[in-house]
């Protein structure tokens, strides 16, 4: 699969691909028995968090990635986090695109997302 083919995929196709590639690499298989592996959800979420921590380190240091030297560490670690999230979502049948659409619509109605409320004392600053 080429870079351009991946870049033009739908969200659902990308989610499927991320999980397919993780399965193909053996991340969902017991390497000793060859049987399917049921991975701990909290452990997987911690791995997502670790990618964000690596992204923050890339921002802090302002460096390029070790494996993809034409890209910043910030960018590559963000991609790693998204790949892990999409792998997890596909495995657990999460409708991320639907949830994102719902959340974006809901956020339009939130008082704490309005500029005038954010400017107030104790308003959300970030």
C-alpha atoms as a PDB file:
ATOM      1  CA  UNK A   1       0.000   0.000   0.000  1.00  0.00           C
ATOM      2  CA  UNK A   2       1.421   3.354  -1.008  1.00  0.00           C
ATOM      3  CA  UNK A   3       1.665   6.606   0.937  1.00  0.00           C
ATOM      4  CA  UNK A   4      -0.968   8.178  -1.347  1.00  0.00           C
ATOM      5  CA  UNK A   5      -3.351   5.229  -0.948  1.00  0.00           C
ATOM      6  CA  UNK A   6      -3.172   5.535   2.829  1.00  0.00           C
ATOM      7  CA  UNK A   7      -3.511   9.342   2.683  1.00  0.00           C
ATOM      8  CA  UNK A   8      -6.788   9.073   0.744  1.00  0.00           C
ATOM      9  CA  UNK A   9      -8.444   6.411   2.937  1.00  0.00           C
ATOM     10  CA  UNK A  10     -11.655   7.030   4.804  1.00  0.00           C
ATOM     11  CA  UNK A  11     -11.438   7.223   8.577  1.00  0.00           C
ATOM     12  CA  UNK A  12     -13.032   3.758   8.909  1.00  0.00           C
ATOM     13  CA  UNK A  13     -10.563   2.287   6.423  1.00  0.00           C
ATOM     14  CA  UNK A  14      -7.637   3.817   8.291  1.00  0.00           C
ATOM     15  CA  UNK A  15      -8.944   2.472  11.596  1.00  0.00           C
ATOM     16  CA  UNK A  16      -9.219  -1.006  10.037  1.00  0.00           C
ATOM     17  CA  UNK A  17      -5.716  -0.739   8.537  1.00  0.00           C
ATOM     18  CA  UNK A  18      -4.132   0.265  11.857  1.00  0.00           C
ATOM     19  CA  UNK A  19      -5.644  -2.771  13.574  1.00  0.00           C
ATOM     20  CA  UNK A  20      -4.841  -5.081  10.644  1.00  0.00           C
ATOM     21  CA  UNK A  21      -1.192  -3.999  10.698  1.00  0.00           C
ATOM     22  CA  UNK A  22      -0.993  -4.455  14.497  1.00  0.00           C
ATOM     23  CA  UNK A  23      -2.483  -7.954  14.164  1.00  0.00           C
ATOM     24  CA  UNK A  24      -0.116  -8.782  11.302  1.00  0.00           C
ATOM     25  CA  UNK A  25       2.850  -7.702  13.460  1.00  0.00           C
ATOM     26  CA  UNK A  26       1.722 -10.097  16.202  1.00  0.00           C
ATOM     27  CA  UNK A  27       0.639  -7.486  18.754  1.00  0.00           C
ATOM     28  CA  UNK A  28      -2.669  -9.317  19.267  1.00  0.00           C
ATOM     29  CA  UNK A  29      -1.166 -12.835  19.326  1.00  0.00           C
ATOM     30  CA  UNK A  30       0.475 -14.847  22.082  1.00  0.00           C
ATOM     31  CA  UNK A  31       3.896 -15.333  20.502  1.00  0.00           C
ATOM     32  CA  UNK A  32       4.487 -18.594  22.390  1.00  0.00           C
ATOM     33  CA  UNK A  33       1.211 -20.332  21.513  1.00  0.00           C
ATOM     34  CA  UNK A  34       0.097 -18.478  18.380  1.00  0.00           C
ATOM     35  CA  UNK A  35      -3.326 -18.034  19.969  1.00  0.00           C
ATOM     36  CA  UNK A  36      -5.187 -14.717  20.029  1.00  0.00           C
ATOM     37  CA  UNK A  37      -4.100 -12.473  22.875  1.00  0.00           C
ATOM     38  CA  UNK A  38      -6.617 -10.507  24.920  1.00  0.00           C
ATOM     39  CA  UNK A  39      -4.693  -7.372  25.843  1.00  0.00           C
ATOM     40  CA  UNK A  40      -5.431  -5.314  28.937  1.00  0.00           C
ATOM     41  CA  UNK A  41      -7.391  -2.176  28.039  1.00  0.00           C
ATOM     42  CA  UNK A  42      -5.688  -0.049  30.682  1.00  0.00           C
ATOM     43  CA  UNK A  43      -2.265  -1.173  29.515  1.00  0.00           C
ATOM     44  CA  UNK A  44      -3.153  -0.180  25.955  1.00  0.00           C
ATOM     45  CA  UNK A  45      -4.377   3.222  27.134  1.00  0.00           C
ATOM     46  CA  UNK A  46      -1.074   3.684  29.000  1.00  0.00           C
ATOM     47  CA  UNK A  47       0.756   2.984  25.719  1.00  0.00           C
ATOM     48  CA  UNK A  48      -1.307   5.740  24.056  1.00  0.00           C
ATOM     49  CA  UNK A  49      -0.342   8.043  26.896  1.00  0.00           C
ATOM     50  CA  UNK A  50       3.329   7.134  26.481  1.00  0.00           C
ATOM     51  CA  UNK A  51       3.164   8.270  22.844  1.00  0.00           C
ATOM     52  CA  UNK A  52       1.802  11.638  24.020  1.00  0.00           C
ATOM     53  CA  UNK A  53       4.636  11.878  26.541  1.00  0.00           C
ATOM     54  CA  UNK A  54       7.134  11.193  23.750  1.00  0.00           C
ATOM     55  CA  UNK A  55       5.386  13.869  21.670  1.00  0.00           C
ATOM     56  CA  UNK A  56       5.765  16.348  24.554  1.00  0.00           C
ATOM     57  CA  UNK A  57       9.443  15.450  24.787  1.00  0.00           C
ATOM     58  CA  UNK A  58       9.789  16.154  21.062  1.00  0.00           C
ATOM     59  CA  UNK A  59       8.214  19.575  21.579  1.00  0.00           C
ATOM     60  CA  UNK A  60      10.420  20.256  24.594  1.00  0.00           C
ATOM     61  CA  UNK A  61      13.600  19.345  22.748  1.00  0.00           C
ATOM     62  CA  UNK A  62      12.517  20.606  19.314  1.00  0.00           C
ATOM     63  CA  UNK A  63      14.174  17.662  17.583  1.00  0.00           C
ATOM     64  CA  UNK A  64      13.625  15.551  14.515  1.00  0.00           C
ATOM     65  CA  UNK A  65      12.526  11.927  14.781  1.00  0.00           C
ATOM     66  CA  UNK A  66      15.142   9.163  15.011  1.00  0.00           C
ATOM     67  CA  UNK A  67      13.369   6.825  12.570  1.00  0.00           C
ATOM     68  CA  UNK A  68      11.870   9.391  10.190  1.00  0.00           C
ATOM     69  CA  UNK A  69      14.526  12.134  10.230  1.00  0.00           C
ATOM     70  CA  UNK A  70      12.615  14.287   7.723  1.00  0.00           C
ATOM     71  CA  UNK A  71       9.798  14.640  10.280  1.00  0.00           C
ATOM     72  CA  UNK A  72       9.729  16.179  13.740  1.00  0.00           C
ATOM     73  CA  UNK A  73       9.509  13.930  16.764  1.00  0.00           C
ATOM     74  CA  UNK A  74       6.363  15.858  17.711  1.00  0.00           C
ATOM     75  CA  UNK A  75       4.665  14.885  14.441  1.00  0.00           C
ATOM     76  CA  UNK A  76       5.765  11.229  14.457  1.00  0.00           C
ATOM     77  CA  UNK A  77       4.766  10.619  18.071  1.00  0.00           C
ATOM     78  CA  UNK A  78       1.356  12.226  17.406  1.00  0.00           C
ATOM     79  CA  UNK A  79       0.971   9.767  14.523  1.00  0.00           C
ATOM     80  CA  UNK A  80       2.014   6.881  16.795  1.00  0.00           C
ATOM     81  CA  UNK A  81      -0.639   7.882  19.320  1.00  0.00           C
ATOM     82  CA  UNK A  82      -3.349   8.041  16.659  1.00  0.00           C
ATOM     83  CA  UNK A  83      -2.275   4.656  15.273  1.00  0.00           C
ATOM     84  CA  UNK A  84      -2.559   3.122  18.757  1.00  0.00           C
ATOM     85  CA  UNK A  85      -5.955   4.764  19.308  1.00  0.00           C
ATOM     86  CA  UNK A  86      -7.291   3.519  15.967  1.00  0.00           C
ATOM     87  CA  UNK A  87      -5.948   0.001  16.612  1.00  0.00           C
ATOM     88  CA  UNK A  88      -7.697  -0.031  20.004  1.00  0.00           C
ATOM     89  CA  UNK A  89     -10.910   1.405  18.563  1.00  0.00           C
ATOM     90  CA  UNK A  90     -11.108  -1.216  15.813  1.00  0.00           C
ATOM     91  CA  UNK A  91     -10.441  -4.087  18.245  1.00  0.00           C
ATOM     92  CA  UNK A  92     -13.149  -2.860  20.608  1.00  0.00           C
ATOM     93  CA  UNK A  93     -15.667  -1.815  17.912  1.00  0.00           C
ATOM     94  CA  UNK A  94     -15.625   1.864  18.831  1.00  0.00           C
ATOM     95  CA  UNK A  95     -17.295   4.286  16.417  1.00  0.00           C
ATOM     96  CA  UNK A  96     -14.707   7.021  16.754  1.00  0.00           C
ATOM     97  CA  UNK A  97     -15.863   9.046  13.755  1.00  0.00           C
ATOM     98  CA  UNK A  98     -19.423   9.069  15.067  1.00  0.00           C
ATOM     99  CA  UNK A  99     -18.218   9.992  18.549  1.00  0.00           C
ATOM    100  CA  UNK A 100     -16.038  12.791  17.166  1.00  0.00           C
ATOM    101  CA  UNK A 101     -18.962  14.190  15.170  1.00  0.00           C
ATOM    102  CA  UNK A 102     -21.239  14.016  18.228  1.00  0.00           C
ATOM    103  CA  UNK A 103     -18.620  15.615  20.479  1.00  0.00           C
ATOM    104  CA  UNK A 104     -17.934  18.475  18.044  1.00  0.00           C
ATOM    105  CA  UNK A 105     -21.661  19.224  17.862  1.00  0.00           C
ATOM    106  CA  UNK A 106     -22.041  19.045  21.653  1.00  0.00           C
ATOM    107  CA  UNK A 107     -19.038  21.333  22.194  1.00  0.00           C
ATOM    108  CA  UNK A 108     -20.738  24.053  20.107  1.00  0.00           C
ATOM    109  CA  UNK A 109     -23.388  24.298  22.855  1.00  0.00           C
ATOM    110  CA  UNK A 110     -21.095  24.290  25.892  1.00  0.00           C
ATOM    111  CA  UNK A 111     -20.948  27.472  27.940  1.00  0.00           C
ATOM    112  CA  UNK A 112     -17.344  26.742  28.907  1.00  0.00           C
ATOM    113  CA  UNK A 113     -16.385  26.725  25.209  1.00  0.00           C
ATOM    114  CA  UNK A 114     -17.628  30.258  24.586  1.00  0.00           C
ATOM    115  CA  UNK A 115     -14.974  33.000  24.465  1.00  0.00           C
ATOM    116  CA  UNK A 116     -16.829  35.319  26.835  1.00  0.00           C
ATOM    117  CA  UNK A 117     -16.988  32.586  29.489  1.00  0.00           C
ATOM    118  CA  UNK A 118     -13.393  31.558  28.974  1.00  0.00           C
ATOM    119  CA  UNK A 119     -12.302  35.164  29.616  1.00  0.00           C
ATOM    120  CA  UNK A 120     -14.031  35.204  33.008  1.00  0.00           C
ATOM    121  CA  UNK A 121     -12.177  34.567  36.232  1.00  0.00           C
ATOM    122  CA  UNK A 122     -11.744  30.799  36.582  1.00  0.00           C
ATOM    123  CA  UNK A 123     -12.775  30.327  32.937  1.00  0.00           C
ATOM    124  CA  UNK A 124     -11.095  27.632  30.880  1.00  0.00           C
ATOM    125  CA  UNK A 125      -7.802  29.029  29.672  1.00  0.00           C
ATOM    126  CA  UNK A 126      -6.607  25.940  27.772  1.00  0.00           C
END
